[in-house]
C-alpha atoms as a PDB file:
ATOM      1  CA  MET A   1       0.428  -0.089  -0.091  1.00  0.00           C
ATOM      2  CA  ASN A   2       1.364   3.893  -0.751  1.00  0.00           C
ATOM      3  CA  ILE A   3       1.155   5.027   2.432  1.00  0.00           C
ATOM      4  CA  LYS A   4      -0.651   8.172   0.799  1.00  0.00           C
ATOM      5  CA  ARG A   5      -3.454   5.718   0.564  1.00  0.00           C
ATOM      6  CA  ILE A   6      -3.734   4.998   4.269  1.00  0.00           C
ATOM      7  CA  GLU A   7      -6.521   6.775   5.581  1.00  0.00           C
ATOM      8  CA  THR A   8      -8.740   5.196   8.098  1.00  0.00           C
ATOM      9  CA  LYS A   9      -6.932   3.344  11.420  1.00  0.00           C
ATOM     10  CA  LYS A  10      -7.650  -0.242   9.454  1.00  0.00           C
ATOM     11  CA  ASP A  11      -5.364   0.564   6.281  1.00  0.00           C
ATOM     12  CA  ALA A  12      -2.974   1.680   9.113  1.00  0.00           C
ATOM     13  CA  ILE A  13      -3.571  -1.946  10.468  1.00  0.00           C
ATOM     14  CA  LYS A  14      -2.589  -3.413   7.455  1.00  0.00           C
ATOM     15  CA  GLU A  15       0.147  -1.323   6.843  1.00  0.00           C
ATOM     16  CA  LEU A  16       2.100  -1.940   9.498  1.00  0.00           C
ATOM     17  CA  LYS A  17       2.021  -5.509   9.531  1.00  0.00           C
ATOM     18  CA  SER A  18       2.831  -5.601   6.335  1.00  0.00           C
ATOM     19  CA  PHE A  19       5.547  -3.388   7.012  1.00  0.00           C
ATOM     20  CA  TYR A  20       6.924  -5.559  10.316  1.00  0.00           C
ATOM     21  CA  ILE A  21       7.307  -8.949   8.154  1.00  0.00           C
ATOM     22  CA  SER A  22       9.161  -6.802   5.605  1.00  0.00           C
ATOM     23  CA  MET A  23      11.947  -5.726   8.244  1.00  0.00           C
ATOM     24  CA  TYR A  24      12.075  -8.979   9.726  1.00  0.00           C
ATOM     25  CA  LYS A  25      12.986 -10.962   7.089  1.00  0.00           C
ATOM     26  CA  GLN A  26      15.514  -8.126   6.057  1.00  0.00           C
ATOM     27  CA  LYS A  27      17.016  -8.476   9.972  1.00  0.00           C
ATOM     28  CA  GLN A  28      16.665 -12.310   9.505  1.00  0.00           C
ATOM     29  CA  ILE A  29      19.011 -11.929   6.238  1.00  0.00           C
ATOM     30  CA  LEU A  30      21.494  -9.905   7.975  1.00  0.00           C
ATOM     31  CA  LEU A  31      21.834 -12.128  10.469  1.00  0.00           C
ATOM     32  CA  LYS A  32      22.674 -14.856   9.179  1.00  0.00           C
ATOM     33  CA  LYS A  33      24.866 -13.571   6.558  1.00  0.00           C
ATOM     34  CA  LYS A  34      26.386 -12.083   9.977  1.00  0.00           C
ATOM     35  CA  TYR A  35      26.483 -14.960  11.418  1.00  0.00           C
ATOM     36  CA  HIS A  36      26.586 -17.663   8.905  1.00  0.00           C
ATOM     37  CA  ASP A  37      23.948 -19.438  10.859  1.00  0.00           C
ATOM     38  CA  PRO A  38      20.793 -21.090   8.547  1.00  0.00           C
ATOM     39  CA  ILE A  39      18.575 -20.680  11.874  1.00  0.00           C
ATOM     40  CA  TYR A  40      17.439 -17.040  10.957  1.00  0.00           C
ATOM     41  CA  MET A  41      16.578 -18.763   7.568  1.00  0.00           C
ATOM     42  CA  THR A  42      14.085 -21.457   8.888  1.00  0.00           C
ATOM     43  CA  THR A  43      11.145 -22.398   7.422  1.00  0.00           C
ATOM     44  CA  ASP A  44       8.889 -21.009  10.615  1.00  0.00           C
ATOM     45  CA  LEU A  45       9.401 -17.471   8.878  1.00  0.00           C
ATOM     46  CA  THR A  46       7.584 -17.529   5.278  1.00  0.00           C
ATOM     47  CA  ASP A  47       4.974 -14.659   4.922  1.00  0.00           C
ATOM     48  CA  LYS A  48       2.263 -16.508   5.790  1.00  0.00           C
ATOM     49  CA  GLU A  49       3.071 -17.847   9.376  1.00  0.00           C
ATOM     50  CA  LEU A  50       4.594 -14.748  10.322  1.00  0.00           C
ATOM     51  CA  GLN A  51       1.037 -13.213   8.857  1.00  0.00           C
ATOM     52  CA  GLN A  52      -0.637 -15.910  11.211  1.00  0.00           C
ATOM     53  CA  LYS A  53       1.313 -15.071  14.346  1.00  0.00           C
ATOM     54  CA  LEU A  54       0.226 -11.211  13.403  1.00  0.00           C
ATOM     55  CA  ASP A  55      -3.087 -12.287  13.115  1.00  0.00           C
ATOM     56  CA  ASP A  56      -3.640 -14.349  16.714  1.00  0.00           C
ATOM     57  CA  MET A  57      -1.344 -11.456  18.241  1.00  0.00           C
ATOM     58  CA  LEU A  58      -4.069  -8.632  16.771  1.00  0.00           C
ATOM     59  CA  ASN A  59      -7.704 -10.989  17.567  1.00  0.00           C
ATOM     60  CA  ASN A  60      -6.673 -11.371  21.366  1.00  0.00           C
ATOM     61  CA  LEU A  61      -6.831  -7.189  21.355  1.00  0.00           C
ATOM     62  CA  ASP A  62     -10.405  -5.275  21.415  1.00  0.00           C
ATOM     63  CA  SER A  63      -9.655  -1.856  19.999  1.00  0.00           C
ATOM     64  CA  GLU A  64      -7.306  -0.396  16.812  1.00  0.00           C
ATOM     65  CA  ASP A  65      -5.502   1.278  18.758  1.00  0.00           C
ATOM     66  CA  GLU A  66      -4.351  -0.983  21.116  1.00  0.00           C
ATOM     67  CA  LYS A  67      -3.246  -2.949  17.693  1.00  0.00           C
ATOM     68  CA  ILE A  68      -1.646  -0.105  16.366  1.00  0.00           C
ATOM     69  CA  GLU A  69       0.070   0.318  19.722  1.00  0.00           C
ATOM     70  CA  SER A  70       1.416  -3.737  19.238  1.00  0.00           C
ATOM     71  CA  LEU A  71       2.115  -3.311  16.207  1.00  0.00           C
ATOM     72  CA  LYS A  72       4.942  -0.541  17.108  1.00  0.00           C
ATOM     73  CA  LYS A  73       6.358  -1.904  19.463  1.00  0.00           C
ATOM     74  CA  ILE A  74       7.321  -5.010  17.879  1.00  0.00           C
ATOM     75  CA  ILE A  75       8.021  -3.325  14.705  1.00  0.00           C
ATOM     76  CA  ASP A  76      10.664  -0.973  17.643  1.00  0.00           C
ATOM     77  CA  ALA A  77      11.960  -3.727  19.030  1.00  0.00           C
ATOM     78  CA  ILE A  78      12.988  -5.220  14.968  1.00  0.00           C
ATOM     79  CA  PHE A  79      15.183  -2.179  14.769  1.00  0.00           C
ATOM     80  CA  GLU A  80      16.209  -1.687  18.958  1.00  0.00           C
ATOM     81  CA  ASP A  81      16.803  -5.519  19.775  1.00  0.00           C
ATOM     82  CA  LEU A  82      19.930  -6.219  18.349  1.00  0.00           C
ATOM     83  CA  LYS A  83      24.040  -6.651  19.268  1.00  0.00           C
ATOM     84  CA  SER A  84      25.712  -6.008  16.480  1.00  0.00           C
ATOM     85  CA  THR A  85      25.813  -2.033  16.246  1.00  0.00           C
ATOM     86  CA  GLU A  86      26.313  -2.868  12.429  1.00  0.00           C
ATOM     87  CA  ILE A  87      22.911  -5.099  11.417  1.00  0.00           C
ATOM     88  CA  LYS A  88      20.981  -1.765  13.619  1.00  0.00           C
ATOM     89  CA  GLU A  89      22.961   0.661  11.196  1.00  0.00           C
ATOM     90  CA  LYS A  90      21.747  -1.492   8.161  1.00  0.00           C
ATOM     91  CA  LEU A  91      18.335  -1.701   9.251  1.00  0.00           C
ATOM     92  CA  SER A  92      17.534   1.472  10.012  1.00  0.00           C
ATOM     93  CA  THR A  93      19.433   2.942   6.446  1.00  0.00           C
ATOM     94  CA  ILE A  94      16.868  -0.107   4.596  1.00  0.00           C
ATOM     95  CA  GLY A  95      13.417   0.830   6.961  1.00  0.00           C
ATOM     96  CA  LYS A  96      13.907   3.552   9.376  1.00  0.00           C
ATOM     97  CA  GLU A  97      12.888   6.766   6.798  1.00  0.00           C
ATOM     98  CA  TYR A  98      10.210   4.708   5.903  1.00  0.00           C
ATOM     99  CA  TYR A  99       9.088   3.456   9.055  1.00  0.00           C
ATOM    100  CA  ASP A 100       9.248   7.419  10.207  1.00  0.00           C
ATOM    101  CA  ASN A 101       7.382   8.838   7.762  1.00  0.00           C
ATOM    102  CA  LEU A 102       4.509   5.425   8.025  1.00  0.00           C
ATOM    103  CA  ILE A 103       4.062   6.515  11.802  1.00  0.00           C
ATOM    104  CA  GLU A 104       3.470  10.281  10.984  1.00  0.00           C
ATOM    105  CA  LYS A 105       0.662   8.891   8.601  1.00  0.00           C
ATOM    106  CA  VAL A 106      -0.351   6.314  11.364  1.00  0.00           C
ATOM    107  CA  GLU A 107      -1.195   8.961  13.702  1.00  0.00           C
ATOM    108  CA  ARG A 108      -2.894  11.266  11.929  1.00  0.00           C
ATOM    109  CA  ALA A 109      -5.291   8.124  10.286  1.00  0.00           C
ATOM    110  CA  ARG A 110      -5.695   7.230  14.363  1.00  0.00           C
ATOM    111  CA  GLY A 111      -7.491  11.160  14.533  1.00  0.00           C
ATOM    112  CA  LEU A 112      -8.615  11.833  11.188  1.00  0.00           C
ATOM    113  CA  THR A 113     -11.284  14.601  10.975  1.00  0.00           C
ATOM    114  CA  ASP A 114     -13.739  13.932   7.919  1.00  0.00           C
ATOM    115  CA  GLU A 115     -12.741  17.234   6.911  1.00  0.00           C
ATOM    116  CA  GLU A 116      -8.847  16.562   7.439  1.00  0.00           C
ATOM    117  CA  ILE A 117      -9.648  12.810   5.387  1.00  0.00           C
ATOM    118  CA  ILE A 118     -10.867  15.635   2.196  1.00  0.00           C
ATOM    119  CA  ILE A 119      -8.053  18.091   2.366  1.00  0.00           C
ATOM    120  CA  GLU A 120      -5.524  15.388   2.255  1.00  0.00           C
ATOM    121  CA  ILE A 121      -7.622  14.438  -1.022  1.00  0.00           C
ATOM    122  CA  ILE A 122      -7.472  17.381  -2.562  1.00  0.00           C
ATOM    123  CA  ASP A 123      -4.236  17.686  -2.036  1.00  0.00           C
ATOM    124  CA  GLU A 124      -2.904  14.882  -3.594  1.00  0.00           C
ATOM    125  CA  THR A 125      -5.154  16.159  -6.925  1.00  0.00           C
ATOM    126  CA  ASP A 126      -3.731  18.838  -9.196  1.00  0.00           C
ATOM    127  CA  ALA A 127      -6.158  20.948  -7.921  1.00  0.00           C
ATOM    128  CA  LYS A 128      -4.559  25.045  -8.351  1.00  0.00           C
ATOM    129  CA  ILE A 129      -5.907  28.182  -7.270  1.00  0.00           C
ATOM    130  CA  HIS A 130      -4.053  31.330  -6.688  1.00  0.00           C
ATOM    131  CA  GLU A 131      -4.852  34.673  -4.753  1.00  0.00           C
ATOM    132  CA  ASP A 132      -5.918  37.668  -6.285  1.00  0.00           C
ATOM    133  CA  LYS A 133      -4.188  40.093  -4.620  1.00  0.00           C
ATOM    134  CA  SER A 134      -4.893  43.338  -6.527  1.00  0.00           C
ATOM    135  CA  GLU A 135      -6.317  46.185  -4.793  1.00  0.00           C
ATOM    136  CA  LYS A 136     -10.345  45.751  -4.144  1.00  0.00           C
ATOM    137  CA  GLU A 137     -12.698  48.304  -2.842  1.00  0.00           C
ATOM    138  CA  GLY A 138     -13.411  47.236   0.414  1.00  0.00           C
ATOM    139  CA  PHE A 139     -17.200  46.463   2.127  1.00  0.00           C
ATOM    140  CA  THR A 140     -18.738  46.158   5.643  1.00  0.00           C
ATOM    141  CA  TYR A 141     -21.703  43.253   5.916  1.00  0.00           C
ATOM    142  CA  GLY A 142     -24.813  42.649   7.817  1.00  0.00           C
ATOM    143  CA  ASN A 143     -25.935  39.652   9.653  1.00  0.00           C
ATOM    144  CA  LEU A 144     -26.927  36.758   6.906  1.00  0.00           C
ATOM    145  CA  LEU A 145     -30.127  35.385   6.262  1.00  0.00           C
ATOM    146  CA  LYS A 146     -31.506  32.803   4.850  1.00  0.00           C
ATOM    147  CA  ILE A 147     -33.547  33.324   1.969  1.00  0.00           C
ATOM    148  CA  TYR A 148     -37.019  31.274   2.167  1.00  0.00           C
ATOM    149  CA  ASN A 149     -38.321  31.584  -1.977  1.00  0.00           C
ATOM    150  CA  GLY A 150     -37.969  27.920  -2.444  1.00  0.00           C
ATOM    151  CA  GLU A 151     -34.837  28.243  -4.097  1.00  0.00           C
ATOM    152  CA  ILE A 152     -32.554  25.797  -2.996  1.00  0.00           C
ATOM    153  CA  LYS A 153     -33.627  22.131  -4.867  1.00  0.00           C
ATOM    154  CA  GLU A 154     -32.598  19.262  -5.010  1.00  0.00           C
ATOM    155  CA  LYS A 155     -29.442  19.445  -7.305  1.00  0.00           C
ATOM    156  CA  LYS A 156     -25.783  17.955  -7.298  1.00  0.00           C
ATOM    157  CA  TYR A 157     -22.777  18.066  -8.613  1.00  0.00           C
ATOM    158  CA  SER A 158     -20.816  15.245  -9.670  1.00  0.00           C
ATOM    159  CA  TYR A 159     -17.024  15.031 -10.484  1.00  0.00           C
ATOM    160  CA  GLU A 160     -14.145  11.531 -10.293  1.00  0.00           C
ATOM    161  CA  LYS A 161     -10.370  12.411 -10.055  1.00  0.00           C
ATOM    162  CA  ASN A 162      -7.632   9.929  -8.933  1.00  0.00           C
ATOM    163  CA  ASN A 163     -10.841   7.410  -8.881  1.00  0.00           C
ATOM    164  CA  LYS A 164     -11.960   9.745  -5.791  1.00  0.00           C
ATOM    165  CA  LYS A 165     -15.812  10.522  -6.476  1.00  0.00           C
ATOM    166  CA  TYR A 166     -17.084  14.147  -5.155  1.00  0.00           C
ATOM    167  CA  ASN A 167     -20.920  15.124  -5.211  1.00  0.00           C
ATOM    168  CA  LEU A 168     -22.012  18.475  -4.030  1.00  0.00           C
ATOM    169  CA  TYR A 169     -25.038  19.439  -2.998  1.00  0.00           C
ATOM    170  CA  PRO A 170     -26.173  23.208  -2.156  1.00  0.00           C
ATOM    171  CA  ILE A 171     -28.508  23.609   1.134  1.00  0.00           C
ATOM    172  CA  GLU A 172     -28.738  26.724   2.175  1.00  0.00           C
ATOM    173  CA  ASN A 173     -29.374  30.632   0.123  1.00  0.00           C
ATOM    174  CA  TYR A 174     -28.375  33.441   2.723  1.00  0.00           C
ATOM    175  CA  LYS A 175     -28.220  37.157   2.213  1.00  0.00           C
ATOM    176  CA  THR A 176     -26.792  40.103   3.365  1.00  0.00           C
ATOM    177  CA  TYR A 177     -26.561  44.020   2.885  1.00  0.00           C
ATOM    178  CA  LYS A 178     -23.192  45.422   2.214  1.00  0.00           C
ATOM    179  CA  HIS A 179     -21.921  48.577   2.128  1.00  0.00           C
ATOM    180  CA  LYS A 180     -18.300  50.640   1.464  1.00  0.00           C
ATOM    181  CA  LYS A 181     -15.740  50.605   3.922  1.00  0.00           C
ATOM    182  CA  ASP A 182     -15.433  54.480   3.001  1.00  0.00           C
ATOM    183  CA  GLU A 183     -18.568  55.430   3.771  1.00  0.00           C
ATOM    184  CA  GLY A 184     -18.051  54.368   7.516  1.00  0.00           C
ATOM    185  CA  ARG A 185     -21.379  53.211   9.461  1.00  0.00           C
ATOM    186  CA  GLU A 186     -23.805  55.247   7.462  1.00  0.00           C
ATOM    187  CA  LEU A 187     -26.361  52.493   7.010  1.00  0.00           C
ATOM    188  CA  SER A 188     -29.450  55.830   6.427  1.00  0.00           C
ATOM    189  CA  LYS A 189     -27.848  55.724   2.811  1.00  0.00           C
ATOM    190  CA  ILE A 190     -29.219  54.050   0.524  1.00  0.00           C
ATOM    191  CA  SER A 191     -27.595  54.508  -2.649  1.00  0.00           C
ATOM    192  CA  SER A 192     -24.431  52.727  -1.276  1.00  0.00           C
ATOM    193  CA  MET A 193     -25.765  50.192  -0.018  1.00  0.00           C
ATOM    194  CA  GLY A 194     -25.694  46.780  -1.981  1.00  0.00           C
ATOM    195  CA  ARG A 195     -26.705  43.177  -1.520  1.00  0.00           C
ATOM    196  CA  GLN A 196     -24.484  40.215  -0.977  1.00  0.00           C
ATOM    197  CA  TYR A 197     -25.928  37.026  -1.138  1.00  0.00           C
ATOM    198  CA  LEU A 198     -24.048  33.373  -0.085  1.00  0.00           C
ATOM    199  CA  THR A 199     -25.150  29.689  -0.324  1.00  0.00           C
ATOM    200  CA  LYS A 200     -23.994  27.044   1.917  1.00  0.00           C
ATOM    201  CA  PHE A 201     -22.694  23.668   0.476  1.00  0.00           C
ATOM    202  CA  ARG A 202     -22.263  20.259   1.541  1.00  0.00           C
ATOM    203  CA  LEU A 203     -18.949  18.765  -0.613  1.00  0.00           C
ATOM    204  CA  GLU A 204     -19.295  14.412  -0.040  1.00  0.00           C
ATOM    205  CA  VAL A 205     -16.281  12.056  -0.906  1.00  0.00           C
ATOM    206  CA  GLU A 206     -16.324   8.777  -1.787  1.00  0.00           C
ATOM    207  CA  PHE A 207     -12.784   7.781  -0.613  1.00  0.00           C
ATOM    208  CA  LYS A 208     -12.958   4.124  -0.370  1.00  0.00           C
ATOM    209  CA  PRO A 209     -16.118   2.108  -1.776  1.00  0.00           C
ATOM    210  CA  GLY A 210     -19.252   2.700   0.746  1.00  0.00           C
ATOM    211  CA  ARG A 211     -16.974   4.994   2.627  1.00  0.00           C
ATOM    212  CA  ILE A 212     -17.756   9.056   2.385  1.00  0.00           C
ATOM    213  CA  ALA A 213     -17.093  11.782   3.891  1.00  0.00           C
ATOM    214  CA  SER A 214     -18.293  15.042   4.058  1.00  0.00           C
ATOM    215  CA  THR A 215     -17.765  19.015   4.811  1.00  0.00           C
ATOM    216  CA  GLU A 216     -19.534  22.164   4.448  1.00  0.00           C
ATOM    217  CA  PHE A 217     -18.108  25.846   3.286  1.00  0.00           C
ATOM    218  CA  PHE A 218     -19.395  29.169   1.860  1.00  0.00           C
ATOM    219  CA  ALA A 219     -19.392  30.171  -1.531  1.00  0.00           C
ATOM    220  CA  ASP A 220     -20.762  33.207  -3.644  1.00  0.00           C
ATOM    221  CA  SER A 221     -23.971  31.962  -5.057  1.00  0.00           C
ATOM    222  CA  ASP A 222     -22.882  32.986  -8.764  1.00  0.00           C
ATOM    223  CA  LEU A 223     -20.345  29.222  -8.282  1.00  0.00           C
ATOM    224  CA  GLU A 224     -23.877  27.579  -9.207  1.00  0.00           C
ATOM    225  CA  LYS A 225     -24.368  29.627 -12.145  1.00  0.00           C
ATOM    226  CA  LYS A 226     -20.659  28.887 -12.961  1.00  0.00           C
ATOM    227  CA  LEU A 227     -20.801  25.238 -12.537  1.00  0.00           C
ATOM    228  CA  ASP A 228     -23.837  24.236 -14.464  1.00  0.00           C
ATOM    229  CA  GLN A 229     -21.591  26.153 -17.414  1.00  0.00           C
ATOM    230  CA  GLU A 230     -18.522  24.765 -17.059  1.00  0.00           C
ATOM    231  CA  ARG A 231     -18.401  22.378 -14.654  1.00  0.00           C
ATOM    232  CA  ASN A 232     -15.041  20.442 -15.318  1.00  0.00           C
ATOM    233  CA  GLU A 233     -13.245  23.807 -15.993  1.00  0.00           C
ATOM    234  CA  TYR A 234     -14.386  25.496 -12.040  1.00  0.00           C
ATOM    235  CA  PHE A 235     -14.426  22.493 -10.140  1.00  0.00           C
ATOM    236  CA  LEU A 236     -10.717  21.492  -9.472  1.00  0.00           C
ATOM    237  CA  PRO A 237      -9.841  25.268  -8.896  1.00  0.00           C
ATOM    238  CA  MET A 238     -12.971  25.174  -6.505  1.00  0.00           C
ATOM    239  CA  LEU A 239     -11.786  22.262  -4.806  1.00  0.00           C
ATOM    240  CA  ALA A 240      -8.190  23.694  -4.379  1.00  0.00           C
ATOM    241  CA  ALA A 241     -10.217  26.896  -2.815  1.00  0.00           C
ATOM    242  CA  ILE A 242     -12.022  24.550   0.002  1.00  0.00           C
ATOM    243  CA  SER A 243      -8.204  23.508   0.867  1.00  0.00           C
ATOM    244  CA  LYS A 244      -7.094  26.468   1.004  1.00  0.00           C
ATOM    245  CA  THR A 245      -9.497  28.044   2.935  1.00  0.00           C
ATOM    246  CA  LYS A 246     -10.124  24.919   5.754  1.00  0.00           C
ATOM    247  CA  LYS A 247      -6.378  24.905   6.163  1.00  0.00           C
ATOM    248  CA  GLU A 248      -7.105  28.485   7.301  1.00  0.00           C
ATOM    249  CA  GLU A 249      -9.977  27.326   9.889  1.00  0.00           C
ATOM    250  CA  ASN A 250     -12.273  29.817   7.846  1.00  0.00           C
ATOM    251  CA  GLN A 251     -15.558  28.838   6.212  1.00  0.00           C
ATOM    252  CA  TYR A 252     -16.019  31.252   3.015  1.00  0.00           C
ATOM    253  CA  ILE A 253     -13.982  30.108   0.095  1.00  0.00           C
ATOM    254  CA  GLY A 254     -14.022  33.410  -1.309  1.00  0.00           C
ATOM    255  CA  HIS A 255     -14.984  34.701  -4.903  1.00  0.00           C
ATOM    256  CA  ILE A 256     -13.444  32.096  -7.599  1.00  0.00           C
ATOM    257  CA  GLU A 257     -12.690  33.699 -11.024  1.00  0.00           C
ATOM    258  CA  CYS A 258     -11.232  32.010 -14.417  1.00  0.00           C
ATOM    259  CA  ILE A 259      -8.549  34.582 -15.235  1.00  0.00           C
ATOM    260  CA  TYR A 260      -7.221  33.445 -18.456  1.00  0.00           C
ATOM    261  CA  LYS A 261      -7.899  30.716 -20.940  1.00  0.00           C
ATOM    262  CA  ASP A 262      -5.626  29.726 -23.853  1.00  0.00           C
ATOM    263  CA  GLU A 263      -8.330  26.403 -25.578  1.00  0.00           C
ATOM    264  CA  GLU A 264      -5.949  25.734 -27.953  1.00  0.00           C
ATOM    265  CA  ASN A 265      -3.521  24.477 -25.131  1.00  0.00           C
ATOM    266  CA  ASP A 266      -5.405  23.672 -22.401  1.00  0.00           C
ATOM    267  CA  ILE A 267      -4.337  26.415 -19.746  1.00  0.00           C
ATOM    268  CA  GLU A 268      -6.618  28.171 -17.676  1.00  0.00           C
ATOM    269  CA  THR A 269      -5.622  30.134 -14.253  1.00  0.00           C
ATOM    270  CA  PHE A 270      -8.316  30.671 -11.237  1.00  0.00           C
ATOM    271  CA  VAL A 271      -7.979  33.020  -8.401  1.00  0.00           C
ATOM    272  CA  ARG A 272      -9.446  33.190  -6.035  1.00  0.00           C
ATOM    273  CA  GLU A 273     -10.805  37.135  -4.065  1.00  0.00           C
ATOM    274  CA  LYS A 274     -10.778  36.281   0.031  1.00  0.00           C
ATOM    275  CA  ASP A 275     -12.943  39.335   1.986  1.00  0.00           C
ATOM    276  CA  GLU A 276     -11.842  39.065   5.389  1.00  0.00           C
ATOM    277  CA  ASN A 277     -15.662  40.906   6.601  1.00  0.00           C
ATOM    278  CA  LEU A 278     -17.648  38.623   4.732  1.00  0.00           C
ATOM    279  CA  GLU A 279     -15.729  35.886   6.429  1.00  0.00           C
ATOM    280  CA  ASN A 280     -16.348  37.237   9.722  1.00  0.00           C
ATOM    281  CA  SER A 281     -19.960  37.331   9.236  1.00  0.00           C
ATOM    282  CA  VAL A 282     -20.323  33.905   7.976  1.00  0.00           C
ATOM    283  CA  LYS A 283     -18.392  33.203  10.884  1.00  0.00           C
ATOM    284  CA  LYS A 284     -21.070  34.880  12.907  1.00  0.00           C
ATOM    285  CA  LEU A 285     -23.584  33.205  11.359  1.00  0.00           C
ATOM    286  CA  VAL A 286     -22.233  29.535  11.720  1.00  0.00           C
ATOM    287  CA  GLU A 287     -21.806  30.303  15.783  1.00  0.00           C
ATOM    288  CA  LYS A 288     -25.489  31.200  15.305  1.00  0.00           C
ATOM    289  CA  GLU A 289     -26.827  27.752  13.960  1.00  0.00           C
ATOM    290  CA  LEU A 290     -24.038  26.433  15.916  1.00  0.00           C
ATOM    291  CA  LYS A 291     -26.112  27.914  18.731  1.00  0.00           C
ATOM    292  CA  GLU A 292     -29.948  26.929  18.248  1.00  0.00           C
ATOM    293  CA  GLN A 293     -28.714  23.174  17.165  1.00  0.00           C
ATOM    294  CA  SER A 294     -26.968  23.621  20.481  1.00  0.00           C
ATOM    295  CA  GLU A 295     -30.598  24.802  21.882  1.00  0.00           C
ATOM    296  CA  ASN A 296     -33.025  22.096  19.962  1.00  0.00           C
ATOM    297  CA  GLU A 297     -30.921  19.499  20.886  1.00  0.00           C
ATOM    298  CA  ASN A 298     -31.413  20.255  24.961  1.00  0.00           C
ATOM    299  CA  VAL A 299     -35.071  21.235  24.338  1.00  0.00           C
ATOM    300  CA  GLU A 300     -35.773  17.469  22.616  1.00  0.00           C
ATOM    301  CA  SER A 301     -33.572  15.111  25.128  1.00  0.00           C
ATOM    302  CA  LYS A 302     -35.230  16.892  27.664  1.00  0.00           C
ATOM    303  CA  ASP A 303     -38.724  16.512  26.281  1.00  0.00           C
ATOM    304  CA  LYS A 304     -37.703  12.850  25.794  1.00  0.00           C
ATOM    305  CA  LYS A 305     -37.293  12.672  29.484  1.00  0.00           C
ATOM    306  CA  ASP A 306     -40.111  14.291  30.751  1.00  0.00           C
ATOM    307  CA  GLU A 307     -41.966  11.519  28.930  1.00  0.00           C
ATOM    308  CA  GLY A 308     -39.854   8.675  30.255  1.00  0.00           C
ATOM    309  CA  GLU A 309     -40.835  10.198  33.859  1.00  0.00           C
ATOM    310  CA  LYS A 310     -44.990  10.134  33.001  1.00  0.00           C
ATOM    311  CA  ASP A 311     -44.717   6.629  32.286  1.00  0.00           C
ATOM    312  CA  ARG A 312     -43.385   5.505  34.712  1.00  0.00           C
END
C-alpha cells in the first residue's frame, strides 16, 4: 500500500503488519550473513506464518488503537533488540525513514476528521488556484439571513478525480446587505448599499467504497451558475479553494474567477478573492446556527426525559 492511501485505522494496521513482515525478514537475512547460521532462515519465517502470528496477537486485542500500539512495539523491537551495531545501522538504512513517515501517517489516520480526509484527498490532485492580490473595493456586511423562497432544489454536482468521487450539494441560500467601507456606518445612505448572496454547500467524497467524508463551506451564489456552465473547469479550482480555506480555519472560500484561458493549449488560470469582513459575517452565522442547534437538541432531550418520567 502507498503511504498516501492510508486514510483509516484499518489501513494503518494493514500497512504496519506488512512493514513488520518485511523488516523481520530483512533482519533474519542480515543475521544469517553476519553469523553464517542458517537458524535465522528457518521455514517458520514464511510470509504466511508470520501473518498468522500477527493475526493471533491482534485478535486478542479489542480496539484498533491497541492493535496499532502493539504493532509499533514489535516493529520498534526489530530496530532496537540487536547486539550488533552494524546490523542495527543497516536495518535503519533500509527501513527507518519509511517507518518514520509511516508512523506520522498512522497517527494522523487515527484521529482524522472528515474535513482532514477531504483536504488530504484534494491535496493529492493537481487542483490549483491563485490568490487575487489586486486592490479591491472594501465592504462591510450585515447579518446573513436565510432566504426562504424555495430556490434551493435537490441538485447534485458530481466530479471524479484520481478514482475519488466528489458530490456537491447546495443546501442553503443566504443574503445580507453590504456597504462601502469608506462611507463608515451611515447605513441610512441607501444609495451606498448593495446585497451579497451566499450559498452553503456540502461536499461529500467517497474516499473508499462505501466510505464517505463530508464538509460544508460557503461560496458566492454565482458559483452554482459557473458549475452549471463549466463544471469541469471550475470544480478543481473550487476544490483547491476549499482546501486553502479549511487550512486557514475559515468557512468562506472566496470569489472564484477564471482570469486567463487558452483553449488551444488547455491552459487556465483561476484566482480566489478573499474577503475578511464577509468571512467574519459567515463565522457569526455559523456560531449562531450551532448555538441554535445545541439549544434545540437540549429541548428535545428534555422532552424525551419528561415523557419517560410520565410513563413510569
